[in-house]
């Protein structure tokens, strides 16, 4: 199932406190970038981020974005400040 534009808009509202976020649509899903670094995506209308060392033990639920992919972590918070902190940690780990 492909993700829909309305869900993308919802996620971008959650990301409103994070500067420099962009996306690329790919095969019905959306890849999410911050300052050119891919940190996650929207897969089947699920907001997932890469599982990095700083958030590995955060208690976020692991999910597989698509068959044969590495597990990612599901963002289920609706708190923009909390999401900003998580994204900052992930992007910092990936740089």
N, C-alpha and C. Protein backbone atom coordinates (compact mmCIF):
# COMPACT_ATOMS: atom_id res chain seq x y z
N UNK A 1 0.84 -1.17 0.00
CA UNK A 1 0.00 0.00 0.00
C UNK A 1 0.90 1.25 0.00
N UNK A 2 0.66 2.14 -0.88
CA UNK A 2 1.42 3.38 -0.94
C UNK A 2 0.91 4.37 0.11
N UNK A 3 1.80 5.25 0.51
CA UNK A 3 1.42 6.30 1.46
C UNK A 3 0.72 7.43 0.72
N UNK A 4 -0.16 8.12 1.41
CA UNK A 4 -0.89 9.19 0.73
C UNK A 4 -0.37 10.57 1.14
N UNK A 5 -0.65 11.53 0.31
CA UNK A 5 -0.17 12.91 0.48
C UNK A 5 -0.71 13.52 1.78
N UNK A 6 -1.91 13.16 2.17
CA UNK A 6 -2.47 13.69 3.41
C UNK A 6 -1.64 13.27 4.62
N UNK A 7 -1.14 12.03 4.60
CA UNK A 7 -0.30 11.58 5.71
C UNK A 7 1.04 12.31 5.69
N UNK A 8 1.59 12.53 4.51
CA UNK A 8 2.82 13.32 4.39
C UNK A 8 2.62 14.71 5.00
N UNK A 9 1.50 15.35 4.68
CA UNK A 9 1.19 16.67 5.24
C UNK A 9 1.10 16.61 6.76
N UNK A 10 0.49 15.54 7.29
CA UNK A 10 0.38 15.35 8.74
C UNK A 10 1.77 15.24 9.38
N UNK A 11 2.64 14.43 8.77
CA UNK A 11 4.00 14.26 9.30
C UNK A 11 4.77 15.58 9.24
N UNK A 12 4.62 16.31 8.14
CA UNK A 12 5.32 17.60 8.05
C UNK A 12 4.80 18.59 9.09
N UNK A 13 3.55 18.48 9.48
CA UNK A 13 3.05 19.31 10.57
C UNK A 13 3.75 18.92 11.88
N UNK A 14 3.95 17.62 12.10
CA UNK A 14 4.66 17.16 13.29
C UNK A 14 6.12 17.61 13.28
N UNK A 15 6.68 17.76 12.08
CA UNK A 15 8.08 18.16 11.91
C UNK A 15 8.27 19.67 11.85
N UNK A 16 7.24 20.43 12.17
CA UNK A 16 7.29 21.88 11.99
C UNK A 16 8.40 22.57 12.77
N UNK A 17 8.89 21.96 13.84
CA UNK A 17 9.97 22.56 14.63
C UNK A 17 11.36 22.15 14.13
N UNK A 18 11.40 21.27 13.13
CA UNK A 18 12.68 20.78 12.60
C UNK A 18 12.97 21.53 11.30
N UNK A 19 14.04 22.31 11.29
CA UNK A 19 14.41 23.07 10.10
C UNK A 19 15.13 22.18 9.10
N UNK A 20 14.95 22.48 7.82
CA UNK A 20 15.72 21.81 6.77
C UNK A 20 15.22 20.44 6.36
N UNK A 21 13.97 20.10 6.67
CA UNK A 21 13.43 18.80 6.28
C UNK A 21 12.84 18.88 4.88
N UNK A 22 13.22 17.91 4.05
CA UNK A 22 12.67 17.78 2.70
C UNK A 22 12.28 16.32 2.49
N UNK A 23 11.63 16.07 1.36
CA UNK A 23 11.26 14.69 1.05
C UNK A 23 11.43 14.43 -0.44
N UNK A 24 11.52 13.14 -0.75
CA UNK A 24 11.51 12.68 -2.14
C UNK A 24 10.52 11.54 -2.22
N UNK A 25 9.65 11.61 -3.19
CA UNK A 25 8.69 10.53 -3.39
C UNK A 25 9.39 9.43 -4.19
N UNK A 26 9.27 8.19 -3.69
CA UNK A 26 9.90 7.08 -4.36
C UNK A 26 9.01 5.84 -4.25
N UNK A 27 8.55 5.37 -5.38
CA UNK A 27 7.76 4.14 -5.46
C UNK A 27 6.54 4.17 -4.53
N UNK A 28 5.87 5.29 -4.45
CA UNK A 28 4.66 5.40 -3.65
C UNK A 28 4.89 5.74 -2.19
N UNK A 29 6.15 5.85 -1.80
CA UNK A 29 6.48 6.18 -0.42
C UNK A 29 7.27 7.49 -0.43
N UNK A 30 7.64 7.99 0.76
CA UNK A 30 8.36 9.25 0.87
C UNK A 30 9.61 9.07 1.73
N UNK A 31 10.75 9.44 1.17
CA UNK A 31 12.01 9.44 1.93
C UNK A 31 12.18 10.81 2.55
N UNK A 32 12.58 10.86 3.81
CA UNK A 32 12.72 12.12 4.55
C UNK A 32 14.18 12.45 4.78
N UNK A 33 14.52 13.71 4.53
CA UNK A 33 15.89 14.21 4.65
C UNK A 33 15.93 15.43 5.56
N UNK A 34 17.02 15.58 6.27
CA UNK A 34 17.30 16.82 7.00
C UNK A 34 18.68 17.27 6.57
N UNK A 35 18.73 18.45 5.98
CA UNK A 35 20.00 19.00 5.51
C UNK A 35 20.75 18.00 4.62
N UNK A 36 20.01 17.30 3.78
CA UNK A 36 20.60 16.36 2.83
C UNK A 36 20.87 14.97 3.37
N UNK A 37 20.61 14.73 4.64
CA UNK A 37 20.85 13.41 5.26
C UNK A 37 19.52 12.68 5.39
N UNK A 38 19.45 11.48 4.80
CA UNK A 38 18.21 10.71 4.92
C UNK A 38 18.12 10.14 6.33
N UNK A 39 17.03 10.47 7.02
CA UNK A 39 16.87 10.02 8.41
C UNK A 39 15.69 9.09 8.59
N UNK A 40 14.82 8.99 7.61
CA UNK A 40 13.65 8.14 7.75
C UNK A 40 12.77 8.23 6.53
N UNK A 41 11.53 7.86 6.75
CA UNK A 41 10.59 7.91 5.64
C UNK A 41 9.18 7.62 6.10
N UNK A 42 8.30 7.70 5.14
CA UNK A 42 6.89 7.36 5.36
C UNK A 42 6.62 6.14 4.50
N UNK A 43 6.27 5.05 5.16
CA UNK A 43 6.04 3.77 4.51
C UNK A 43 4.68 3.24 4.95
N UNK A 44 3.81 3.02 4.00
CA UNK A 44 2.45 2.53 4.31
C UNK A 44 1.79 3.40 5.38
N UNK A 45 1.92 4.71 5.22
CA UNK A 45 1.37 5.68 6.17
C UNK A 45 1.86 5.44 7.60
N UNK A 46 3.14 5.11 7.70
CA UNK A 46 3.82 5.00 9.00
C UNK A 46 5.05 5.89 8.94
N UNK A 47 5.27 6.69 9.96
CA UNK A 47 6.42 7.58 10.08
C UNK A 47 7.53 6.81 10.78
N UNK A 48 8.55 6.41 10.01
CA UNK A 48 9.64 5.60 10.53
C UNK A 48 10.96 6.35 10.41
N UNK A 49 11.84 6.16 11.39
CA UNK A 49 13.18 6.75 11.35
C UNK A 49 14.21 5.63 11.48
N UNK A 50 15.40 5.93 10.99
CA UNK A 50 16.49 4.96 11.08
C UNK A 50 16.81 4.67 12.54
N UNK A 51 17.17 3.44 12.79
CA UNK A 51 17.53 2.99 14.13
C UNK A 51 19.02 3.25 14.32
N UNK A 52 19.33 4.31 15.04
CA UNK A 52 20.73 4.68 15.28
C UNK A 52 21.07 4.46 16.76
N UNK A 53 22.37 4.56 17.06
CA UNK A 53 22.82 4.26 18.43
C UNK A 53 22.16 5.14 19.49
N UNK A 54 21.87 6.39 19.18
CA UNK A 54 21.32 7.30 20.19
C UNK A 54 19.87 7.02 20.55
N UNK A 55 19.13 6.39 19.65
CA UNK A 55 17.71 6.12 19.94
C UNK A 55 17.38 4.63 19.94
N UNK A 56 18.40 3.81 19.81
CA UNK A 56 18.22 2.35 19.76
C UNK A 56 17.41 1.83 20.96
N UNK A 57 17.64 2.38 22.13
CA UNK A 57 16.97 1.92 23.36
C UNK A 57 15.92 2.92 23.84
N UNK A 58 15.30 3.63 22.93
CA UNK A 58 14.34 4.69 23.28
C UNK A 58 12.96 4.16 23.63
N UNK A 59 12.72 2.88 23.38
CA UNK A 59 11.40 2.32 23.64
C UNK A 59 10.47 2.43 22.45
N UNK A 60 10.96 3.01 21.34
CA UNK A 60 10.13 3.09 20.13
C UNK A 60 10.00 1.70 19.51
N UNK A 61 8.86 1.46 18.93
CA UNK A 61 8.57 0.15 18.33
C UNK A 61 9.32 -0.03 17.02
N UNK A 62 9.96 -1.20 16.88
CA UNK A 62 10.64 -1.55 15.64
C UNK A 62 9.62 -2.01 14.61
N UNK A 63 9.81 -1.56 13.38
CA UNK A 63 8.95 -2.02 12.28
C UNK A 63 9.79 -2.15 11.02
N UNK A 64 9.38 -3.02 10.15
CA UNK A 64 10.05 -3.23 8.87
C UNK A 64 9.32 -2.37 7.83
N UNK A 65 10.03 -1.44 7.17
CA UNK A 65 9.34 -0.56 6.21
C UNK A 65 8.84 -1.28 4.97
N UNK A 66 9.59 -2.30 4.52
CA UNK A 66 9.22 -3.09 3.34
C UNK A 66 10.01 -4.39 3.42
N UNK A 67 9.58 -5.44 2.72
CA UNK A 67 10.28 -6.73 2.81
C UNK A 67 11.78 -6.60 2.51
N UNK A 68 12.57 -7.28 3.28
CA UNK A 68 14.03 -7.37 3.21
C UNK A 68 14.75 -6.09 3.67
N UNK A 69 14.03 -5.12 4.22
CA UNK A 69 14.66 -3.90 4.74
C UNK A 69 15.09 -4.10 6.19
N UNK A 70 16.03 -3.27 6.63
CA UNK A 70 16.43 -3.27 8.03
C UNK A 70 15.31 -2.67 8.87
N UNK A 71 15.18 -3.10 10.12
CA UNK A 71 14.16 -2.52 10.99
C UNK A 71 14.40 -1.02 11.20
N UNK A 72 13.31 -0.30 11.30
CA UNK A 72 13.34 1.13 11.62
C UNK A 72 12.47 1.32 12.85
N UNK A 73 12.41 2.54 13.35
CA UNK A 73 11.63 2.82 14.55
C UNK A 73 10.43 3.68 14.21
N UNK A 74 9.29 3.30 14.75
CA UNK A 74 8.03 3.98 14.51
C UNK A 74 7.91 5.20 15.41
N UNK A 75 7.67 6.36 14.80
CA UNK A 75 7.41 7.58 15.57
C UNK A 75 5.90 7.65 15.78
N UNK A 76 5.50 7.49 17.03
CA UNK A 76 4.06 7.52 17.33
C UNK A 76 3.68 8.71 18.20
N UNK A 77 4.64 9.59 18.43
CA UNK A 77 4.40 10.79 19.22
C UNK A 77 3.73 11.86 18.35
N UNK A 78 2.94 12.69 18.98
CA UNK A 78 2.36 13.85 18.30
C UNK A 78 2.92 15.14 18.90
N UNK A 79 4.03 15.02 19.61
CA UNK A 79 4.67 16.15 20.27
C UNK A 79 5.82 16.65 19.40
N UNK A 80 5.65 17.80 18.71
CA UNK A 80 6.70 18.31 17.82
C UNK A 80 8.06 18.51 18.49
N UNK A 81 8.09 18.91 19.75
CA UNK A 81 9.37 19.11 20.45
C UNK A 81 10.08 17.78 20.67
N UNK A 82 9.33 16.77 21.06
CA UNK A 82 9.90 15.43 21.26
C UNK A 82 10.43 14.88 19.93
N UNK A 83 9.67 15.07 18.87
CA UNK A 83 10.08 14.61 17.55
C UNK A 83 11.33 15.34 17.10
N UNK A 84 11.40 16.63 17.34
CA UNK A 84 12.58 17.42 16.98
C UNK A 84 13.83 16.84 17.66
N UNK A 85 13.72 16.51 18.94
CA UNK A 85 14.85 15.95 19.68
C UNK A 85 15.27 14.60 19.10
N UNK A 86 14.31 13.74 18.78
CA UNK A 86 14.62 12.43 18.18
C UNK A 86 15.33 12.59 16.84
N UNK A 87 14.80 13.46 15.99
CA UNK A 87 15.39 13.66 14.66
C UNK A 87 16.79 14.23 14.79
N UNK A 88 16.99 15.14 15.71
CA UNK A 88 18.33 15.71 15.94
C UNK A 88 19.33 14.63 16.31
N UNK A 89 18.94 13.72 17.17
CA UNK A 89 19.81 12.61 17.57
C UNK A 89 20.13 11.70 16.40
N UNK A 90 19.11 11.34 15.63
CA UNK A 90 19.31 10.44 14.49
C UNK A 90 20.24 11.08 13.46
N UNK A 91 19.96 12.32 13.09
CA UNK A 91 20.78 12.99 12.06
C UNK A 91 22.21 13.17 12.56
N UNK A 92 22.37 13.50 13.82
CA UNK A 92 23.72 13.64 14.38
C UNK A 92 24.49 12.32 14.28
N UNK A 93 23.82 11.21 14.56
CA UNK A 93 24.45 9.88 14.45
C UNK A 93 24.83 9.55 13.01
N UNK A 94 24.06 10.03 12.06
CA UNK A 94 24.27 9.68 10.66
C UNK A 94 25.31 10.55 9.96
N UNK A 95 25.66 11.67 10.56
CA UNK A 95 26.65 12.58 9.92
C UNK A 95 28.05 12.08 10.11
